[in-house]
PDB file of N, CA and C in Angstrom:
ATOM      1  N   UNK A   1      13.997  20.615  -6.739  1.00  0.00           N
ATOM      2  CA  UNK A   1      13.447  19.617  -5.853  1.00  0.00           C
ATOM      3  C   UNK A   1      13.411  18.270  -6.562  1.00  0.00           C
ATOM      4  N   UNK A   2      13.916  17.234  -5.928  1.00  0.00           N
ATOM      5  CA  UNK A   2      13.963  15.901  -6.503  1.00  0.00           C
ATOM      6  C   UNK A   2      12.726  15.114  -6.086  1.00  0.00           C
ATOM      7  N   UNK A   3      11.904  14.730  -7.053  1.00  0.00           N
ATOM      8  CA  UNK A   3      10.685  13.985  -6.763  1.00  0.00           C
ATOM      9  C   UNK A   3      10.819  12.508  -7.101  1.00  0.00           C
ATOM     10  N   UNK A   4      12.033  12.022  -7.257  1.00  0.00           N
ATOM     11  CA  UNK A   4      12.266  10.626  -7.598  1.00  0.00           C
ATOM     12  C   UNK A   4      12.441   9.800  -6.330  1.00  0.00           C
ATOM     13  N   UNK A   5      11.342   9.567  -5.638  1.00  0.00           N
ATOM     14  CA  UNK A   5      11.371   8.798  -4.402  1.00  0.00           C
ATOM     15  C   UNK A   5      11.331   7.309  -4.709  1.00  0.00           C
ATOM     16  N   UNK A   6      11.995   6.523  -3.894  1.00  0.00           N
ATOM     17  CA  UNK A   6      11.860   5.078  -3.995  1.00  0.00           C
ATOM     18  C   UNK A   6      10.566   4.675  -3.296  1.00  0.00           C
ATOM     19  N   UNK A   7      10.170   3.434  -3.510  1.00  0.00           N
ATOM     20  CA  UNK A   7       8.948   2.943  -2.866  1.00  0.00           C
ATOM     21  C   UNK A   7       9.089   2.981  -1.346  1.00  0.00           C
ATOM     22  N   UNK A   8      10.269   2.673  -0.843  1.00  0.00           N
ATOM     23  CA  UNK A   8      10.498   2.702   0.612  1.00  0.00           C
ATOM     24  C   UNK A   8      10.398   4.131   1.154  1.00  0.00           C
ATOM     25  N   UNK A   9      10.940   5.087   0.417  1.00  0.00           N
ATOM     26  CA  UNK A   9      10.853   6.489   0.848  1.00  0.00           C
ATOM     27  C   UNK A   9       9.411   6.976   0.821  1.00  0.00           C
ATOM     28  N   UNK A  10       8.685   6.592  -0.223  1.00  0.00           N
ATOM     29  CA  UNK A  10       7.273   6.977  -0.311  1.00  0.00           C
ATOM     30  C   UNK A  10       6.473   6.347   0.826  1.00  0.00           C
ATOM     31  N   UNK A  11       6.780   5.090   1.154  1.00  0.00           N
ATOM     32  CA  UNK A  11       6.085   4.421   2.248  1.00  0.00           C
ATOM     33  C   UNK A  11       6.339   5.142   3.565  1.00  0.00           C
ATOM     34  N   UNK A  12       7.554   5.594   3.771  1.00  0.00           N
ATOM     35  CA  UNK A  12       7.873   6.344   4.987  1.00  0.00           C
ATOM     36  C   UNK A  12       7.068   7.641   5.051  1.00  0.00           C
ATOM     37  N   UNK A  13       6.960   8.336   3.928  1.00  0.00           N
ATOM     38  CA  UNK A  13       6.184   9.580   3.884  1.00  0.00           C
ATOM     39  C   UNK A  13       4.697   9.319   4.121  1.00  0.00           C
ATOM     40  N   UNK A  14       4.184   8.249   3.534  1.00  0.00           N
ATOM     41  CA  UNK A  14       2.772   7.900   3.725  1.00  0.00           C
ATOM     42  C   UNK A  14       2.516   7.552   5.186  1.00  0.00           C
ATOM     43  N   UNK A  15       3.426   6.796   5.801  1.00  0.00           N
ATOM     44  CA  UNK A  15       3.278   6.470   7.223  1.00  0.00           C
ATOM     45  C   UNK A  15       3.299   7.732   8.078  1.00  0.00           C
ATOM     46  N   UNK A  16       4.159   8.682   7.734  1.00  0.00           N
ATOM     47  CA  UNK A  16       4.193   9.959   8.459  1.00  0.00           C
ATOM     48  C   UNK A  16       2.874  10.711   8.305  1.00  0.00           C
ATOM     49  N   UNK A  17       2.319  10.693   7.096  1.00  0.00           N
ATOM     50  CA  UNK A  17       1.048  11.379   6.846  1.00  0.00           C
ATOM     51  C   UNK A  17      -0.087  10.713   7.625  1.00  0.00           C
ATOM     52  N   UNK A  18      -0.090   9.381   7.668  1.00  0.00           N
ATOM     53  CA  UNK A  18      -1.107   8.659   8.436  1.00  0.00           C
ATOM     54  C   UNK A  18      -1.003   9.034   9.910  1.00  0.00           C
ATOM     55  N   UNK A  19       0.201   9.054  10.429  1.00  0.00           N
ATOM     56  CA  UNK A  19       0.422   9.417  11.829  1.00  0.00           C
ATOM     57  C   UNK A  19      -0.083  10.835  12.103  1.00  0.00           C
ATOM     58  N   UNK A  20       0.216  11.748  11.194  1.00  0.00           N
ATOM     59  CA  UNK A  20      -0.205  13.142  11.367  1.00  0.00           C
ATOM     60  C   UNK A  20      -1.723  13.260  11.419  1.00  0.00           C
ATOM     61  N   UNK A  21      -2.411  12.532  10.547  1.00  0.00           N
ATOM     62  CA  UNK A  21      -3.875  12.575  10.540  1.00  0.00           C
ATOM     63  C   UNK A  21      -4.429  11.958  11.820  1.00  0.00           C
ATOM     64  N   UNK A  22      -3.852  10.832  12.246  1.00  0.00           N
ATOM     65  CA  UNK A  22      -4.355  10.159  13.446  1.00  0.00           C
ATOM     66  C   UNK A  22      -4.128  10.984  14.703  1.00  0.00           C
ATOM     67  N   UNK A  23      -2.991  11.663  14.787  1.00  0.00           N
ATOM     68  CA  UNK A  23      -2.664  12.442  15.985  1.00  0.00           C
ATOM     69  C   UNK A  23      -3.286  13.835  15.931  1.00  0.00           C
ATOM     70  N   UNK A  24      -3.199  14.480  14.768  1.00  0.00           N
ATOM     71  CA  UNK A  24      -3.634  15.865  14.665  1.00  0.00           C
ATOM     72  C   UNK A  24      -5.024  16.077  14.127  1.00  0.00           C
ATOM     73  N   UNK A  25      -5.659  15.021  13.647  1.00  0.00           N
ATOM     74  CA  UNK A  25      -7.007  15.156  13.110  1.00  0.00           C
ATOM     75  C   UNK A  25      -7.010  15.352  11.603  1.00  0.00           C
ATOM     76  N   UNK A  26      -8.167  15.113  11.001  1.00  0.00           N
ATOM     77  CA  UNK A  26      -8.324  15.217   9.554  1.00  0.00           C
ATOM     78  C   UNK A  26      -8.298  16.668   9.089  1.00  0.00           C
ATOM     79  N   UNK A  27      -8.903  17.547   9.878  1.00  0.00           N
ATOM     80  CA  UNK A  27      -8.910  18.957   9.502  1.00  0.00           C
ATOM     81  C   UNK A  27      -8.982  19.816  10.757  1.00  0.00           C
ATOM     82  N   UNK A  28      -8.593  21.063  10.585  1.00  0.00           N
ATOM     83  CA  UNK A  28      -8.689  22.009  11.695  1.00  0.00           C
ATOM     84  C   UNK A  28      -8.837  23.410  11.138  1.00  0.00           C
ATOM     85  N   UNK A  29      -9.248  24.331  12.006  1.00  0.00           N
ATOM     86  CA  UNK A  29      -9.501  25.703  11.584  1.00  0.00           C
ATOM     87  C   UNK A  29      -8.815  26.647  12.555  1.00  0.00           C
ATOM     88  N   UNK A  30      -8.107  27.624  12.009  1.00  0.00           N
ATOM     89  CA  UNK A  30      -7.473  28.686  12.787  1.00  0.00           C
ATOM     90  C   UNK A  30      -8.004  30.014  12.270  1.00  0.00           C
ATOM     91  N   UNK A  31      -8.854  30.621  13.044  1.00  0.00           N
ATOM     92  CA  UNK A  31      -9.449  31.879  12.597  1.00  0.00           C
ATOM     93  C   UNK A  31     -10.306  31.646  11.373  1.00  0.00           C
ATOM     94  N   UNK A  32      -9.959  32.310  10.282  1.00  0.00           N
ATOM     95  CA  UNK A  32     -10.712  32.150   9.046  1.00  0.00           C
ATOM     96  C   UNK A  32     -10.081  31.124   8.111  1.00  0.00           C
ATOM     97  N   UNK A  33      -8.958  30.563   8.490  1.00  0.00           N
ATOM     98  CA  UNK A  33      -8.269  29.583   7.640  1.00  0.00           C
ATOM     99  C   UNK A  33      -8.608  28.164   8.074  1.00  0.00           C
ATOM    100  N   UNK A  34      -8.793  27.304   7.077  1.00  0.00           N
ATOM    101  CA  UNK A  34      -9.093  25.904   7.361  1.00  0.00           C
ATOM    102  C   UNK A  34      -8.092  25.018   6.628  1.00  0.00           C
ATOM    103  N   UNK A  35      -7.619  23.976   7.317  1.00  0.00           N
ATOM    104  CA  UNK A  35      -6.653  23.036   6.757  1.00  0.00           C
ATOM    105  C   UNK A  35      -7.269  21.644   6.770  1.00  0.00           C
ATOM    106  N   UNK A  36      -7.262  20.976   5.627  1.00  0.00           N
ATOM    107  CA  UNK A  36      -7.743  19.603   5.535  1.00  0.00           C
ATOM    108  C   UNK A  36      -6.600  18.736   5.032  1.00  0.00           C
ATOM    109  N   UNK A  37      -6.300  17.701   5.782  1.00  0.00           N
ATOM    110  CA  UNK A  37      -5.204  16.797   5.420  1.00  0.00           C
ATOM    111  C   UNK A  37      -5.705  15.730   4.457  1.00  0.00           C
ATOM    112  N   UNK A  38      -4.767  14.932   3.963  1.00  0.00           N
ATOM    113  CA  UNK A  38      -5.090  13.866   3.016  1.00  0.00           C
ATOM    114  C   UNK A  38      -6.097  12.891   3.612  1.00  0.00           C
ATOM    115  N   UNK A  39      -6.892  12.294   2.745  1.00  0.00           N
ATOM    116  CA  UNK A  39      -7.909  11.334   3.149  1.00  0.00           C
ATOM    117  C   UNK A  39      -7.242  10.081   3.715  1.00  0.00           C
ATOM    118  N   UNK A  40      -7.662   9.668   4.896  1.00  0.00           N
ATOM    119  CA  UNK A  40      -7.043   8.536   5.578  1.00  0.00           C
ATOM    120  C   UNK A  40      -7.216   7.237   4.791  1.00  0.00           C
ATOM    121  N   UNK A  41      -8.374   7.031   4.178  1.00  0.00           N
ATOM    122  CA  UNK A  41      -8.592   5.818   3.377  1.00  0.00           C
ATOM    123  C   UNK A  41      -7.637   5.761   2.195  1.00  0.00           C
ATOM    124  N   UNK A  42      -7.412   6.892   1.549  1.00  0.00           N
ATOM    125  CA  UNK A  42      -6.472   6.949   0.434  1.00  0.00           C
ATOM    126  C   UNK A  42      -5.052   6.658   0.912  1.00  0.00           C
ATOM    127  N   UNK A  43      -4.692   7.196   2.065  1.00  0.00           N
ATOM    128  CA  UNK A  43      -3.356   6.944   2.608  1.00  0.00           C
ATOM    129  C   UNK A  43      -3.155   5.465   2.910  1.00  0.00           C
ATOM    130  N   UNK A  44      -4.168   4.808   3.486  1.00  0.00           N
ATOM    131  CA  UNK A  44      -4.053   3.378   3.766  1.00  0.00           C
ATOM    132  C   UNK A  44      -3.944   2.564   2.477  1.00  0.00           C
ATOM    133  N   UNK A  45      -4.682   2.955   1.438  1.00  0.00           N
ATOM    134  CA  UNK A  45      -4.587   2.265   0.151  1.00  0.00           C
ATOM    135  C   UNK A  45      -3.187   2.427  -0.428  1.00  0.00           C
ATOM    136  N   UNK A  46      -2.659   3.645  -0.358  1.00  0.00           N
ATOM    137  CA  UNK A  46      -1.299   3.885  -0.847  1.00  0.00           C
ATOM    138  C   UNK A  46      -0.293   3.052  -0.059  1.00  0.00           C
ATOM    139  N   UNK A  47      -0.491   2.962   1.249  1.00  0.00           N
ATOM    140  CA  UNK A  47       0.412   2.171   2.092  1.00  0.00           C
ATOM    141  C   UNK A  47       0.398   0.707   1.662  1.00  0.00           C
ATOM    142  N   UNK A  48      -0.794   0.163   1.450  1.00  0.00           N
ATOM    143  CA  UNK A  48      -0.907  -1.233   1.019  1.00  0.00           C
ATOM    144  C   UNK A  48      -0.253  -1.457  -0.336  1.00  0.00           C
ATOM    145  N   UNK A  49      -0.475  -0.542  -1.275  1.00  0.00           N
ATOM    146  CA  UNK A  49       0.119  -0.657  -2.606  1.00  0.00           C
ATOM    147  C   UNK A  49       1.641  -0.585  -2.547  1.00  0.00           C
ATOM    148  N   UNK A  50       2.164   0.357  -1.773  1.00  0.00           N
ATOM    149  CA  UNK A  50       3.617   0.500  -1.661  1.00  0.00           C
ATOM    150  C   UNK A  50       4.242  -0.698  -0.956  1.00  0.00           C
ATOM    151  N   UNK A  51       3.574  -1.211   0.064  1.00  0.00           N
ATOM    152  CA  UNK A  51       4.077  -2.398   0.763  1.00  0.00           C
ATOM    153  C   UNK A  51       4.136  -3.583  -0.188  1.00  0.00           C
ATOM    154  N   UNK A  52       3.102  -3.764  -0.993  1.00  0.00           N
ATOM    155  CA  UNK A  52       3.087  -4.850  -1.976  1.00  0.00           C
ATOM    156  C   UNK A  52       4.186  -4.659  -3.012  1.00  0.00           C
ATOM    157  N   UNK A  53       4.402  -3.420  -3.440  1.00  0.00           N
ATOM    158  CA  UNK A  53       5.453  -3.134  -4.416  1.00  0.00           C
ATOM    159  C   UNK A  53       6.828  -3.465  -3.840  1.00  0.00           C
ATOM    160  N   UNK A  54       7.067  -3.095  -2.605  1.00  0.00           N
ATOM    161  CA  UNK A  54       8.353  -3.371  -1.961  1.00  0.00           C
ATOM    162  C   UNK A  54       8.557  -4.873  -1.820  1.00  0.00           C
ATOM    163  N   UNK A  55       7.516  -5.587  -1.432  1.00  0.00           N
ATOM    164  CA  UNK A  55       7.633  -7.035  -1.284  1.00  0.00           C
ATOM    165  C   UNK A  55       7.896  -7.710  -2.619  1.00  0.00           C
ATOM    166  N   UNK A  56       7.275  -7.212  -3.678  1.00  0.00           N
ATOM    167  CA  UNK A  56       7.494  -7.817  -4.992  1.00  0.00           C
ATOM    168  C   UNK A  56       8.894  -7.528  -5.516  1.00  0.00           C
ATOM    169  N   UNK A  57       9.475  -6.401  -5.111  1.00  0.00           N
ATOM    170  CA  UNK A  57      10.845  -6.084  -5.520  1.00  0.00           C
ATOM    171  C   UNK A  57      11.860  -6.999  -4.838  1.00  0.00           C
ATOM    172  N   UNK A  58      11.482  -7.557  -3.693  1.00  0.00           N
ATOM    173  CA  UNK A  58      12.390  -8.414  -2.936  1.00  0.00           C
ATOM    174  C   UNK A  58      12.317  -9.870  -3.367  1.00  0.00           C
ATOM    175  N   UNK A  59      11.607 -10.171  -4.408  1.00  0.00           N
ATOM    176  CA  UNK A  59      11.485 -11.542  -4.889  1.00  0.00           C
ATOM    177  C   UNK A  59      10.031 -11.934  -5.010  1.00  0.00           C
ATOM    178  N   UNK A  60       9.815 -13.125  -5.505  1.00  0.00           N
ATOM    179  CA  UNK A  60       8.461 -13.614  -5.716  1.00  0.00           C
ATOM    180  C   UNK A  60       7.935 -14.222  -4.423  1.00  0.00           C
ATOM    181  N   UNK A  61       7.051 -13.522  -3.762  1.00  0.00           N
ATOM    182  CA  UNK A  61       6.467 -13.987  -2.518  1.00  0.00           C
ATOM    183  C   UNK A  61       4.975 -14.249  -2.692  1.00  0.00           C
ATOM    184  N   UNK A  62       4.606 -14.642  -3.892  1.00  0.00           N
ATOM    185  CA  UNK A  62       3.197 -14.819  -4.218  1.00  0.00           C
ATOM    186  C   UNK A  62       2.521 -15.868  -3.336  1.00  0.00           C
ATOM    187  N   UNK A  63       3.232 -16.938  -3.038  1.00  0.00           N
ATOM    188  CA  UNK A  63       2.616 -18.039  -2.300  1.00  0.00           C
ATOM    189  C   UNK A  63       3.155 -18.175  -0.883  1.00  0.00           C
ATOM    190  N   UNK A  64       3.688 -17.121  -0.313  1.00  0.00           N
ATOM    191  CA  UNK A  64       4.258 -17.186   1.029  1.00  0.00           C
ATOM    192  C   UNK A  64       3.243 -17.581   2.089  1.00  0.00           C
ATOM    193  N   UNK A  65       2.021 -17.129   1.964  1.00  0.00           N
ATOM    194  CA  UNK A  65       0.998 -17.418   2.967  1.00  0.00           C
ATOM    195  C   UNK A  65       0.043 -18.515   2.506  1.00  0.00           C
ATOM    196  N   UNK A  66       0.532 -19.414   1.666  1.00  0.00           N
ATOM    197  CA  UNK A  66      -0.299 -20.468   1.119  1.00  0.00           C
ATOM    198  C   UNK A  66       0.035 -21.796   1.789  1.00  0.00           C
ATOM    199  N   UNK A  67      -0.993 -22.533   2.128  1.00  0.00           N
ATOM    200  CA  UNK A  67      -0.815 -23.835   2.762  1.00  0.00           C
ATOM    201  C   UNK A  67      -1.534 -24.886   1.937  1.00  0.00           C
ATOM    202  N   UNK A  68      -1.049 -26.105   1.998  1.00  0.00           N
ATOM    203  CA  UNK A  68      -1.658 -27.211   1.278  1.00  0.00           C
ATOM    204  C   UNK A  68      -2.230 -28.183   2.296  1.00  0.00           C
ATOM    205  N   UNK A  69      -3.455 -28.569   2.073  1.00  0.00           N
ATOM    206  CA  UNK A  69      -4.096 -29.567   2.925  1.00  0.00           C
ATOM    207  C   UNK A  69      -4.593 -30.694   2.033  1.00  0.00           C
ATOM    208  N   UNK A  70      -4.352 -31.912   2.470  1.00  0.00           N
ATOM    209  CA  UNK A  70      -4.800 -33.075   1.707  1.00  0.00           C
ATOM    210  C   UNK A  70      -5.860 -33.789   2.537  1.00  0.00           C
ATOM    211  N   UNK A  71      -7.041 -33.890   1.969  1.00  0.00           N
ATOM    212  CA  UNK A  71      -8.147 -34.570   2.629  1.00  0.00           C
ATOM    213  C   UNK A  71      -8.425 -35.853   1.854  1.00  0.00           C
ATOM    214  N   UNK A  72      -8.017 -36.964   2.412  1.00  0.00           N
ATOM    215  CA  UNK A  72      -8.259 -38.226   1.721  1.00  0.00           C
ATOM    216  C   UNK A  72      -9.477 -38.900   2.337  1.00  0.00           C
ATOM    217  N   UNK A  73     -10.396 -39.268   1.486  1.00  0.00           N
ATOM    218  CA  UNK A  73     -11.623 -39.906   1.962  1.00  0.00           C
ATOM    219  C   UNK A  73     -11.355 -41.335   2.402  1.00  0.00           C
ATOM    220  N   UNK A  74     -11.996 -41.750   3.467  1.00  0.00           N
ATOM    221  CA  UNK A  74     -11.828 -43.130   3.939  1.00  0.00           C
ATOM    222  C   UNK A  74     -13.150 -43.818   3.962  1.00  0.00           C
TER     223      UNK A  74
END
């Protein structure tokens, strides 16, 4: 089994896991067996980290959402 995922592949898997939790619930029980899925907060944190990693790989976008305002006193 190859565990060398790229950040984009990992992001896709994390998005799938988030979708599964949102649609199917955090946990469920069948008879005597119980299944608990990954923590949604952890998945969102991983998503944010992977998104930031992908953006940083595409170049320096540190100041993309930065604006300059000049207030001159009169």
